[in-house]
Amino acid sequence: MTEGAGIRAGDLPDDLTAAEAGMWQAFRNGSMYDLSSGDAVVDDPHGGHPWGPERTVRARIVCWLLLDGPPALAGRVSALKLVGVRITDTLDLAGGTVTPYVELRGCRFDDEVRVPEARFTTVRLVDCSVPRLEAARVHTEGDLHLPRCRFQNGVRLTDAQIGTDLLLNQAIVYRDRSGRSIAADGMTVGQDLQAEMLESHGELSLRGAKVGVSLSLRGARLANPYSRLALNAPQLTVERTLYLTPAGVGSPLLSGTTPARGTRIQRFECRGGVRLDDGRFGDAVDLERARFGFTEDQELSLRRVQTPELRFLGDKPERGKVVLSGARIVNLVDRAGSWPDTGNLHMAGFAYENLVPQGPFPLARRLDWVAAGTAEYAPEPYERLASVLRAAGEDEDAREVLLAKQRRRRETLPLAGKFWGYVQDWTVAYGYRPGRAAVWMAVLWAAGTLAFAHADHPPVNHDGHPSWSPALFTLDLLLPVIDLGQAGQWRLRGGWQWLAAVVILLGWILATTVAAGATRLLRRN
């Protein structure tokens, strides 16, 4: 009997094995075809226990069913549902259109699964052992589920289009010959991409991928000791939130949720570089309790990222860099102990509108944070911080930040500029502490009054002169431009003349620094 005739008549082909005949009938009935033994050790698809011909089917027969299978029985919908089945040879559906629903649980593939440019409704491979999944440009109208599967030579989903959800929860994926565990560049997922507690041994590549709702890597463990990047996802677009956070362990009900207090958790861990440059995230990038293990030349790169909220609440990387250059954030939610040390933080052009610290984050630590992020002096990070603090009503803290900016700038000036900077700092703190001007004026006025009270002061004009007043005379010397009618009426000699010159000079210095500070305050810079 030919294959075509068997299909048209709905009869069984002649060359099917007993296992394949049972699968054929279950397909027509739309029922689950279970060949498991009931022994968990024997049925483990990832274990070494051999599965004999009684639970083995050929990939060619599976492809036959999916691409050109027999009609369903009356009142039934045909579907391929397998449990505990071994599939030999290469399952090749490249370019095909698969209408039936596909669900395989606890199955073992001897060779790779090839479905590039194929079209499916919904595909679920759960807890299966697959040497490799080749699915570039695959298209599904519904879900693609691959939870708890193990892939020995990687997964390729380049330019794939997933209609609803892509699930990779608890999957274990090893790298292919190119060094990638999962290659999903240009992939589009209609709703959620969940890869919670994923184990990736190689580069997880999501360059230019688009996710319609959220991307969850809760509790995932990414490791790539072979090259610089463990997560390579520049130009990634996520309409809601990217989660690099803990996952609850022990209950499937915890999937996709933040674990409650007291729940046993598994943190997100990444041993290798992370690249999220130019990413767009509609709600947030969440790094709650994330752990990063970098080498000296690896980094967490968030260059030019745009998101309403960045939750930088992970453990401090001991090595490597955190790069925020050009990123644009609305709310920066952070913790003092999460940021790396000086030299390992770069944030030139980093823009944020609100600071929401979690736990103590005093202003001195915040200034250290700015200094750590600017290896060379740049005014913009200080001005950004001052602007944010002022908008939050913290005017005094904003002035302290701008004062720190002037002190940092002073270190870049030549010797004369440094001297003048120290003068301004000691006198009126660059104008940001104007109360000092009154103190210095009062001190100089009192000292001058006491000194000039003992000075010999013959009048310049004997015919008419005001009464001698050491206090008014000192004040006339201290206040530039203003004439109180004292300084020009008396003739001083010797050391008193030099003392008057010093008082005049100090008055000019004080007035100049006060004017400079007033200008800064008026510009609110």
Protein backbone atom coordinates (compact mmCIF):
# COMPACT_ATOMS: atom_id res chain seq x y z
CA MET A 1 0.00 0.00 0.00
CA THR A 2 1.42 3.41 -0.92
CA GLU A 3 1.69 6.21 1.60
CA GLY A 4 -0.74 8.41 -0.30
CA ALA A 5 -3.37 5.68 -0.60
CA GLY A 6 -3.13 4.91 3.09
CA ILE A 7 -3.74 8.52 3.99
CA ARG A 8 -6.70 8.93 1.65
CA ALA A 9 -8.36 5.86 2.98
CA GLY A 10 -7.53 6.62 6.58
CA ASP A 11 -5.90 3.18 6.85
CA LEU A 12 -2.58 2.36 8.47
CA PRO A 13 0.47 2.23 6.16
CA ASP A 14 1.96 -1.22 5.87
CA ASP A 15 5.48 -0.47 7.11
CA LEU A 16 4.64 1.05 10.52
CA THR A 17 6.03 -0.50 13.68
CA ALA A 18 3.71 -1.21 16.58
CA ALA A 19 4.78 2.02 18.34
CA GLU A 20 4.24 4.02 15.15
CA ALA A 21 0.85 2.42 14.53
CA GLY A 22 -0.27 3.44 18.00
CA MET A 23 0.97 6.99 17.39
CA TRP A 24 -0.90 7.05 14.06
CA GLN A 25 -4.19 6.14 15.67
CA ALA A 26 -3.68 8.55 18.59
CA PHE A 27 -3.00 11.35 16.08
CA ARG A 28 -6.34 10.72 14.34
CA ASN A 29 -8.09 10.66 17.70
CA GLY A 30 -6.28 13.75 19.02
CA SER A 31 -5.40 11.86 22.20
CA MET A 32 -2.21 11.61 24.26
CA TYR A 33 0.10 8.77 23.21
CA ASP A 34 2.04 7.72 26.30
CA LEU A 35 4.85 5.16 26.07
CA SER A 36 6.43 5.90 29.44
CA SER A 37 7.09 2.99 31.80
CA GLY A 38 6.11 4.66 35.06
CA ASP A 39 9.67 4.37 36.42
CA ALA A 40 11.06 7.89 36.85
CA VAL A 41 14.66 6.76 36.36
CA VAL A 42 13.92 4.83 33.18
CA ASP A 43 11.64 7.55 31.81
CA ASP A 44 14.13 10.37 32.34
CA PRO A 45 14.75 11.62 28.77
CA HIS A 46 18.08 13.14 29.85
CA GLY A 47 19.32 9.99 31.59
CA GLY A 48 21.36 7.15 30.19
CA HIS A 49 18.80 4.38 30.38
CA PRO A 50 18.22 2.96 26.86
CA TRP A 51 14.78 3.10 25.29
CA GLY A 52 14.04 0.12 23.06
CA PRO A 53 11.96 -0.27 19.88
CA GLU A 54 8.76 -0.58 21.91
CA ARG A 55 8.89 3.19 22.54
CA THR A 56 10.74 4.29 19.39
CA VAL A 57 9.29 6.01 16.30
CA ARG A 58 10.99 7.30 13.17
CA ALA A 59 11.22 11.04 12.51
CA ARG A 60 9.96 10.40 8.95
CA ILE A 61 6.64 9.09 10.29
CA VAL A 62 6.27 12.06 12.63
CA CYS A 63 6.87 14.45 9.69
CA TRP A 64 4.35 12.50 7.61
CA LEU A 65 1.68 12.94 10.28
CA LEU A 66 2.34 16.64 10.74
CA LEU A 67 2.64 17.65 7.09
CA ASP A 68 0.23 15.28 5.35
CA GLY A 69 -1.38 13.14 8.02
CA PRO A 70 -4.62 11.14 7.86
CA PRO A 71 -7.96 12.79 8.57
CA ALA A 72 -9.21 12.97 12.11
CA LEU A 73 -11.82 10.54 13.30
CA ALA A 74 -15.39 11.76 13.25
CA GLY A 75 -15.99 14.36 15.92
CA ARG A 76 -12.27 14.62 16.80
CA VAL A 77 -9.43 17.08 16.05
CA SER A 78 -6.14 15.55 14.98
CA ALA A 79 -3.12 16.43 17.14
CA LEU A 80 0.30 15.01 17.88
CA LYS A 81 0.59 14.45 21.63
CA LEU A 82 3.47 12.20 22.71
CA VAL A 83 4.82 11.23 26.12
CA GLY A 84 8.00 9.22 26.71
CA VAL A 85 8.70 8.56 23.03
CA ARG A 86 12.10 8.21 21.39
CA ILE A 87 12.37 9.77 17.92
CA THR A 88 15.19 8.54 15.69
CA ASP A 89 16.89 10.32 12.77
CA THR A 90 16.52 14.03 12.00
CA LEU A 91 13.07 15.57 12.38
CA ASP A 92 13.05 17.88 9.34
CA LEU A 93 10.04 20.14 8.76
CA ALA A 94 11.93 22.94 7.05
CA GLY A 95 9.61 25.26 5.13
CA GLY A 96 6.54 23.17 5.92
CA THR A 97 3.13 24.22 7.17
CA VAL A 98 1.98 22.27 10.23
CA THR A 99 -1.68 22.69 11.09
CA PRO A 100 -2.16 20.14 13.93
CA TYR A 101 -1.41 21.00 17.52
CA VAL A 102 1.97 19.60 18.65
CA GLU A 103 2.82 18.64 22.23
CA LEU A 104 5.71 16.35 23.23
CA ARG A 105 6.49 15.63 26.87
CA GLY A 106 9.47 13.74 28.23
CA CYS A 107 10.57 12.69 24.75
CA ARG A 108 14.06 11.92 23.50
CA PHE A 109 15.38 12.97 20.08
CA ASP A 110 18.40 11.12 18.67
CA ASP A 111 19.22 13.91 16.18
CA GLU A 112 18.50 17.59 15.76
CA VAL A 113 15.08 19.09 15.13
CA ARG A 114 15.00 21.21 11.98
CA VAL A 115 12.05 23.57 11.49
CA PRO A 116 13.49 26.67 9.73
CA GLU A 117 10.86 28.77 7.96
CA ALA A 118 8.16 26.32 9.04
CA ARG A 119 4.72 27.52 10.13
CA PHE A 120 2.91 26.14 13.19
CA THR A 121 -0.15 26.92 15.25
CA THR A 122 1.19 25.99 18.71
CA VAL A 123 4.21 23.86 19.61
CA ARG A 124 5.01 22.55 23.07
CA LEU A 125 8.14 20.53 23.81
CA VAL A 126 8.24 19.94 27.56
CA ASP A 127 11.15 18.24 29.36
CA CYS A 128 12.56 16.83 26.13
CA SER A 129 16.14 15.94 25.22
CA VAL A 130 17.05 17.59 21.91
CA PRO A 131 20.56 17.61 20.43
CA ARG A 132 19.82 20.90 18.64
CA LEU A 133 16.82 23.00 17.62
CA GLU A 134 17.26 24.73 14.28
CA ALA A 135 14.31 27.12 13.95
CA ALA A 136 15.45 30.23 12.10
CA ARG A 137 12.51 32.25 10.74
CA VAL A 138 10.00 29.81 12.22
CA HIS A 139 6.48 31.22 12.55
CA THR A 140 3.89 30.23 15.16
CA GLU A 141 0.40 31.62 15.45
CA GLY A 142 0.31 30.68 19.14
CA ASP A 143 2.89 29.63 21.72
CA LEU A 144 6.30 28.05 21.42
CA HIS A 145 6.98 26.25 24.71
CA LEU A 146 10.36 24.66 25.47
CA PRO A 147 10.39 24.42 29.30
CA ARG A 148 12.78 22.02 31.04
CA CYS A 149 14.21 20.88 27.71
CA ARG A 150 17.92 20.23 27.27
CA PHE A 151 19.71 21.24 24.11
CA GLN A 152 23.25 19.91 23.74
CA ASN A 153 24.21 22.01 20.71
CA GLY A 154 22.21 25.17 21.03
CA VAL A 155 18.96 26.69 19.81
CA ARG A 156 18.60 28.90 16.78
CA LEU A 157 15.56 31.20 16.63
CA THR A 158 16.99 33.94 14.41
CA ASP A 159 14.19 36.14 12.95
CA ALA A 160 11.56 33.80 14.40
CA GLN A 161 8.01 35.13 14.83
CA ILE A 162 6.21 33.80 17.89
CA GLY A 163 2.53 34.75 17.91
CA THR A 164 1.99 34.76 21.67
CA ASP A 165 4.42 33.41 24.33
CA LEU A 166 7.88 31.89 24.16
CA LEU A 167 8.69 29.74 27.23
CA LEU A 168 12.20 28.56 28.08
CA ASN A 169 11.70 28.12 31.82
CA GLN A 170 14.27 25.78 33.43
CA ALA A 171 15.70 24.85 30.03
CA ILE A 172 19.39 23.93 29.85
CA VAL A 173 21.16 25.03 26.68
CA TYR A 174 24.78 24.41 25.71
CA ARG A 175 26.65 26.33 23.06
CA ASP A 176 26.83 25.49 19.39
CA ARG A 177 29.91 25.66 17.17
CA SER A 178 29.64 29.46 16.97
CA GLY A 179 29.71 29.78 20.76
CA ARG A 180 26.04 30.71 21.12
CA SER A 181 23.63 28.86 23.36
CA ILE A 182 20.53 30.61 22.01
CA ALA A 183 20.76 32.65 18.82
CA ALA A 184 17.57 34.71 18.60
CA ASP A 185 18.66 37.86 16.80
CA GLY A 186 15.74 39.71 15.22
CA MET A 187 13.16 37.48 16.92
CA THR A 188 9.66 38.84 17.55
CA VAL A 189 7.51 37.56 20.44
CA GLY A 190 3.91 38.74 20.52
CA GLN A 191 3.49 38.57 24.29
CA ASP A 192 5.84 37.29 27.03
CA LEU A 193 9.27 35.74 26.73
CA GLN A 194 9.80 33.72 29.89
CA ALA A 195 13.19 32.13 30.50
CA GLU A 196 13.03 31.77 34.25
CA MET A 197 15.74 29.60 35.84
CA LEU A 198 17.21 29.08 32.38
CA GLU A 199 20.74 27.66 32.30
CA SER A 200 22.70 29.06 29.39
CA HIS A 201 26.23 27.81 28.72
CA GLY A 202 27.42 30.13 25.99
CA GLU A 203 26.23 33.41 24.51
CA LEU A 204 22.52 34.20 24.75
CA SER A 205 22.04 36.48 21.74
CA LEU A 206 18.92 38.66 21.41
CA ARG A 207 20.21 41.40 19.13
CA GLY A 208 17.36 43.50 17.80
CA ALA A 209 14.72 41.21 19.30
CA LYS A 210 11.23 42.54 20.12
CA VAL A 211 9.04 41.35 22.98
CA GLY A 212 5.41 42.47 23.09
CA VAL A 213 4.98 42.38 26.88
CA SER A 214 7.75 41.38 29.35
CA LEU A 215 11.02 39.48 29.21
CA SER A 216 11.66 37.47 32.35
CA LEU A 217 15.06 36.00 33.18
CA ARG A 218 14.14 35.55 36.83
CA GLY A 219 16.52 33.12 38.50
CA ALA A 220 18.37 32.44 35.25
CA ARG A 221 22.03 31.44 35.28
CA LEU A 222 24.02 32.63 32.32
CA ALA A 223 27.64 31.60 31.92
CA ASN A 224 30.02 32.09 29.04
CA PRO A 225 33.67 31.48 29.91
CA TYR A 226 34.51 31.19 26.22
CA SER A 227 34.05 34.84 25.15
CA ARG A 228 33.26 38.27 26.59
CA LEU A 229 29.44 38.22 26.51
CA ALA A 230 26.96 35.95 28.26
CA LEU A 231 23.95 38.12 27.29
CA ASN A 232 24.26 39.99 24.02
CA ALA A 233 21.10 42.03 23.43
CA PRO A 234 21.76 45.44 21.85
CA GLN A 235 18.70 47.22 20.40
CA LEU A 236 16.39 44.94 22.36
CA THR A 237 12.82 46.25 22.59
CA VAL A 238 10.58 45.15 25.47
CA GLU A 239 7.20 46.82 25.72
CA ARG A 240 6.95 46.33 29.49
CA THR A 241 9.73 45.12 31.86
CA LEU A 242 13.02 43.25 31.65
CA TYR A 243 13.40 41.14 34.81
CA LEU A 244 16.90 40.08 35.91
CA THR A 245 15.63 39.22 39.38
CA PRO A 246 15.16 36.23 41.74
CA ALA A 247 12.69 33.44 41.03
CA GLY A 248 10.76 31.41 43.57
CA VAL A 249 11.81 27.76 43.73
CA GLY A 250 9.47 24.85 44.22
CA SER A 251 6.10 25.96 42.87
CA PRO A 252 4.97 26.57 39.29
CA LEU A 253 2.54 29.13 40.69
CA LEU A 254 5.51 31.40 41.42
CA SER A 255 6.41 31.71 37.74
CA GLY A 256 6.18 35.27 36.49
CA THR A 257 5.79 36.76 39.97
CA THR A 258 8.03 38.35 42.54
CA PRO A 259 8.65 35.78 45.31
CA ALA A 260 7.06 36.58 48.66
CA ARG A 261 9.21 36.96 51.77
CA GLY A 262 10.22 33.57 53.13
CA THR A 263 10.07 31.83 49.74
CA ARG A 264 13.18 29.92 48.75
CA ILE A 265 14.60 31.78 45.80
CA GLN A 266 17.19 31.46 43.08
CA ARG A 267 18.87 34.70 42.06
CA PHE A 268 19.67 35.81 38.56
CA GLU A 269 23.39 35.16 38.05
CA CYS A 270 25.53 36.08 35.09
CA ARG A 271 29.14 35.02 34.64
CA GLY A 272 30.10 36.96 31.56
CA GLY A 273 29.46 40.36 30.02
CA VAL A 274 25.99 41.84 29.49
CA ARG A 275 25.26 44.13 26.56
CA LEU A 276 21.92 45.96 26.45
CA ASP A 277 23.04 48.98 24.42
CA ASP A 278 20.33 51.09 22.74
CA GLY A 279 17.58 49.03 24.36
CA ARG A 280 14.04 50.34 24.77
CA PHE A 281 12.00 49.16 27.76
CA GLY A 282 8.46 50.43 28.24
CA ASP A 283 8.22 50.06 32.03
CA ALA A 284 11.51 49.15 33.69
CA VAL A 285 14.80 47.29 33.78
CA ASP A 286 14.81 45.42 37.09
CA LEU A 287 18.13 44.20 38.55
CA GLU A 288 16.85 43.37 42.05
CA ARG A 289 19.47 41.18 43.80
CA ALA A 290 21.16 40.30 40.51
CA ARG A 291 24.70 38.91 40.67
CA PHE A 292 27.35 39.59 38.05
CA GLY A 293 30.69 37.84 37.82
CA PHE A 294 32.89 39.79 35.42
CA THR A 295 36.52 39.63 34.43
CA GLU A 296 38.45 42.89 34.19
CA ASP A 297 37.53 43.40 30.52
CA GLN A 298 33.83 42.54 30.85
CA GLU A 299 31.00 44.94 31.64
CA LEU A 300 27.33 45.52 32.22
CA SER A 301 26.70 47.85 29.30
CA LEU A 302 23.56 50.00 29.34
CA ARG A 303 24.74 52.58 26.81
CA ARG A 304 21.92 54.76 25.49
CA VAL A 305 19.23 52.62 27.15
CA GLN A 306 15.84 54.31 27.49
CA THR A 307 13.35 53.25 30.16
CA PRO A 308 11.04 54.95 32.67
CA GLU A 309 12.71 53.11 35.56
CA LEU A 310 16.05 51.46 36.23
CA ARG A 311 16.11 49.38 39.43
CA PHE A 312 19.83 49.05 40.10
CA LEU A 313 19.54 46.93 43.23
CA GLY A 314 21.88 44.02 42.60
CA ASP A 315 25.13 43.00 44.26
CA LYS A 316 28.13 45.19 43.58
CA PRO A 317 30.31 43.70 40.80
CA GLU A 318 33.74 43.05 42.27
CA ARG A 319 35.41 43.37 38.88
CA GLY A 320 34.48 44.67 35.46
CA LYS A 321 32.59 47.84 34.61
CA VAL A 322 29.09 49.27 34.67
CA VAL A 323 28.50 51.62 31.74
CA LEU A 324 25.51 54.00 31.65
CA SER A 325 26.85 56.46 29.08
CA GLY A 326 24.04 58.19 27.21
CA ALA A 327 21.28 56.29 29.04
CA ARG A 328 18.02 58.15 29.66
CA ILE A 329 16.05 57.17 32.77
CA VAL A 330 13.08 58.77 34.52
CA ASN A 331 13.34 57.05 37.94
CA LEU A 332 16.68 55.72 39.15
CA VAL A 333 15.94 53.28 41.97
CA ASP A 334 19.26 52.28 43.49
CA ARG A 335 21.15 51.18 46.56
CA ALA A 336 24.45 52.63 47.76
CA GLY A 337 26.09 49.21 47.97
CA SER A 338 25.15 48.19 44.42
CA TRP A 339 27.46 50.53 42.51
CA PRO A 340 31.03 49.54 41.57
CA ASP A 341 34.14 51.30 42.82
CA THR A 342 35.91 54.27 41.25
CA GLY A 343 37.18 53.53 37.78
CA ASN A 344 34.59 50.83 37.12
CA LEU A 345 31.58 53.12 36.62
CA HIS A 346 31.06 55.22 33.49
CA MET A 347 28.08 57.54 33.10
CA ALA A 348 29.00 60.36 30.74
CA GLY A 349 25.76 61.78 29.39
CA PHE A 350 23.65 59.68 31.79
CA ALA A 351 20.31 61.47 32.27
CA TYR A 352 17.78 60.75 35.02
CA GLU A 353 14.93 62.79 36.47
CA ASN A 354 14.27 61.32 39.92
CA LEU A 355 16.34 59.50 42.53
CA VAL A 356 14.59 56.81 44.60
CA PRO A 357 17.26 55.34 46.89
CA GLN A 358 16.48 52.10 48.71
CA GLY A 359 18.09 52.24 52.15
CA PRO A 360 20.58 54.84 53.40
CA PHE A 361 22.24 56.82 50.65
CA PRO A 362 23.72 59.99 52.24
CA LEU A 363 24.80 62.91 50.10
CA ALA A 364 28.50 62.17 50.71
CA ARG A 365 28.03 58.70 49.20
CA ARG A 366 26.09 60.20 46.31
CA LEU A 367 28.97 62.58 45.61
CA ASP A 368 31.37 59.63 45.71
CA TRP A 369 29.05 57.93 43.19
CA VAL A 370 29.35 60.89 40.81
CA ALA A 371 33.12 61.02 41.29
CA ALA A 372 33.37 57.27 40.65
CA GLY A 373 31.48 57.67 37.38
CA THR A 374 33.68 60.47 36.02
CA ALA A 375 37.33 59.50 35.75
CA GLU A 376 38.03 62.99 34.38
CA TYR A 377 36.26 66.14 35.51
CA ALA A 378 32.99 66.82 33.71
CA PRO A 379 30.43 69.35 34.97
CA GLU A 380 27.34 67.61 33.56
CA PRO A 381 26.99 64.76 36.14
CA TYR A 382 27.20 67.26 39.02
CA GLU A 383 24.74 69.64 37.39
CA ARG A 384 22.37 66.75 36.66
CA LEU A 385 22.45 65.62 40.29
CA ALA A 386 21.97 69.18 41.55
CA SER A 387 19.01 69.70 39.21
CA VAL A 388 17.34 66.49 40.41
CA LEU A 389 17.88 67.39 44.07
CA ARG A 390 16.58 70.91 43.55
CA ALA A 391 13.47 69.58 41.79
CA ALA A 392 12.90 67.36 44.84
CA GLY A 393 13.09 70.41 47.14
CA GLU A 394 16.60 69.61 48.45
CA ASP A 395 18.10 73.05 47.75
CA GLU A 396 20.80 72.78 50.41
CA ASP A 397 21.98 69.44 49.05
CA ALA A 398 21.92 70.87 45.53
CA ARG A 399 24.26 73.68 46.63
CA GLU A 400 26.60 71.12 48.22
CA VAL A 401 26.74 69.23 44.93
CA LEU A 402 27.59 72.38 42.97
CA LEU A 403 30.26 73.24 45.54
CA ALA A 404 31.74 69.77 45.05
CA LYS A 405 31.71 70.44 41.31
CA GLN A 406 33.77 73.62 41.77
CA ARG A 407 36.24 71.82 44.02
CA ARG A 408 36.60 69.00 41.47
CA ARG A 409 37.11 71.56 38.70
CA ARG A 410 39.77 73.35 40.74
CA GLU A 411 42.03 70.31 40.52
CA THR A 412 42.16 70.69 36.72
CA LEU A 413 43.30 74.35 36.79
CA PRO A 414 46.84 75.74 36.60
CA LEU A 415 48.56 76.92 39.78
CA ALA A 416 47.20 80.47 39.67
CA GLY A 417 43.67 79.19 39.08
CA LYS A 418 43.98 76.74 41.93
CA PHE A 419 45.12 79.54 44.26
CA TRP A 420 42.19 81.74 43.30
CA GLY A 421 39.89 78.75 43.70
CA TYR A 422 41.14 78.11 47.24
CA VAL A 423 40.58 81.78 48.05
CA GLN A 424 36.99 81.59 46.86
CA ASP A 425 36.47 78.33 48.73
CA TRP A 426 37.87 79.60 52.03
CA THR A 427 36.03 82.87 51.87
CA VAL A 428 32.52 82.21 50.58
CA ALA A 429 32.65 78.57 49.37
CA TYR A 430 32.35 79.74 45.76
CA GLY A 431 29.26 81.70 46.72
CA TYR A 432 27.25 78.64 47.76
CA ARG A 433 27.60 79.55 51.44
CA PRO A 434 26.91 83.30 51.37
CA GLY A 435 26.77 83.52 55.15
CA ARG A 436 30.55 83.25 55.18
CA ALA A 437 30.83 86.67 53.49
CA ALA A 438 29.12 88.39 56.42
CA VAL A 439 31.37 86.53 58.87
CA TRP A 440 34.56 87.52 57.04
CA MET A 441 33.35 91.12 56.71
CA ALA A 442 32.57 91.30 60.40
CA VAL A 443 35.96 89.81 61.35
CA LEU A 444 37.91 92.20 59.08
CA TRP A 445 35.84 95.18 60.20
CA ALA A 446 36.40 94.41 63.88
CA ALA A 447 40.12 93.77 63.40
CA GLY A 448 40.58 96.92 61.32
CA THR A 449 38.64 99.04 63.81
CA LEU A 450 40.85 97.86 66.68
CA ALA A 451 44.03 98.40 64.68
CA PHE A 452 43.23 101.84 63.25
CA ALA A 453 42.09 103.08 66.65
CA HIS A 454 45.83 103.33 67.50
CA ALA A 455 46.94 104.84 64.17
CA ASP A 456 48.38 108.33 63.70
CA HIS A 457 45.91 109.98 61.31
CA PRO A 458 46.65 113.62 60.41
CA PRO A 459 43.92 115.09 58.19
CA VAL A 460 44.56 115.78 54.53
CA ASN A 461 42.68 119.08 54.74
CA HIS A 462 43.10 121.03 57.97
CA ASP A 463 40.32 123.45 57.14
CA GLY A 464 37.48 120.90 56.99
CA HIS A 465 37.34 117.22 57.73
CA PRO A 466 34.91 114.83 59.43
CA SER A 467 35.43 113.45 62.89
CA TRP A 468 37.82 110.51 63.06
CA SER A 469 36.02 107.15 63.33
CA PRO A 470 38.13 103.98 63.11
CA ALA A 471 35.02 101.91 62.44
CA LEU A 472 33.81 104.03 59.52
CA PHE A 473 37.36 104.39 58.20
CA THR A 474 37.80 100.57 58.13
CA LEU A 475 34.39 100.06 56.54
CA ASP A 476 35.22 102.66 53.87
CA LEU A 477 38.37 100.72 53.03
CA LEU A 478 36.58 97.33 52.93
CA LEU A 479 33.67 98.35 50.69
CA PRO A 480 34.83 98.94 47.12
CA VAL A 481 33.03 101.55 45.00
CA ILE A 482 31.04 102.89 47.99
CA ASP A 483 32.49 106.12 49.45
CA LEU A 484 31.70 106.82 53.12
CA GLY A 485 33.79 110.01 53.20
CA GLN A 486 36.51 108.65 55.50
CA ALA A 487 39.28 106.96 53.49
CA GLY A 488 40.25 110.09 51.52
CA GLN A 489 40.25 112.47 54.51
CA TRP A 490 43.14 111.05 56.51
CA ARG A 491 46.83 110.59 55.76
CA LEU A 492 48.45 107.39 57.06
CA ARG A 493 52.19 106.79 57.19
CA GLY A 494 54.53 103.81 57.33
CA GLY A 495 53.05 100.47 58.32
CA TRP A 496 49.56 101.92 58.71
CA GLN A 497 49.58 102.82 55.04
CA TRP A 498 50.47 99.21 54.16
CA LEU A 499 47.74 97.91 56.47
CA ALA A 500 45.18 100.12 54.74
CA ALA A 501 46.28 98.71 51.37
CA VAL A 502 45.88 95.15 52.65
CA VAL A 503 42.36 95.92 53.92
CA ILE A 504 41.43 97.43 50.54
CA LEU A 505 42.78 94.35 48.73
CA LEU A 506 40.89 91.97 51.01
CA GLY A 507 37.74 93.99 50.48
CA TRP A 508 38.06 93.66 46.71
CA ILE A 509 38.71 89.91 46.96
CA LEU A 510 35.73 89.44 49.22
CA ALA A 511 33.47 91.53 47.00
CA THR A 512 34.60 89.69 43.86
CA THR A 513 33.97 86.25 45.31
CA VAL A 514 30.57 87.34 46.63
CA ALA A 515 29.65 88.70 43.20
CA ALA A 516 30.79 85.48 41.50
CA GLY A 517 28.75 83.39 43.92
CA ALA A 518 25.69 85.60 43.50
CA THR A 519 25.96 85.21 39.74
CA ARG A 520 26.02 81.42 40.07
CA LEU A 521 23.00 81.45 42.36
CA LEU A 522 21.07 83.77 40.04
CA ARG A 523 21.80 81.43 37.13
CA ARG A 524 20.75 78.50 39.42
CA ASN A 525 23.51 76.44 37.94
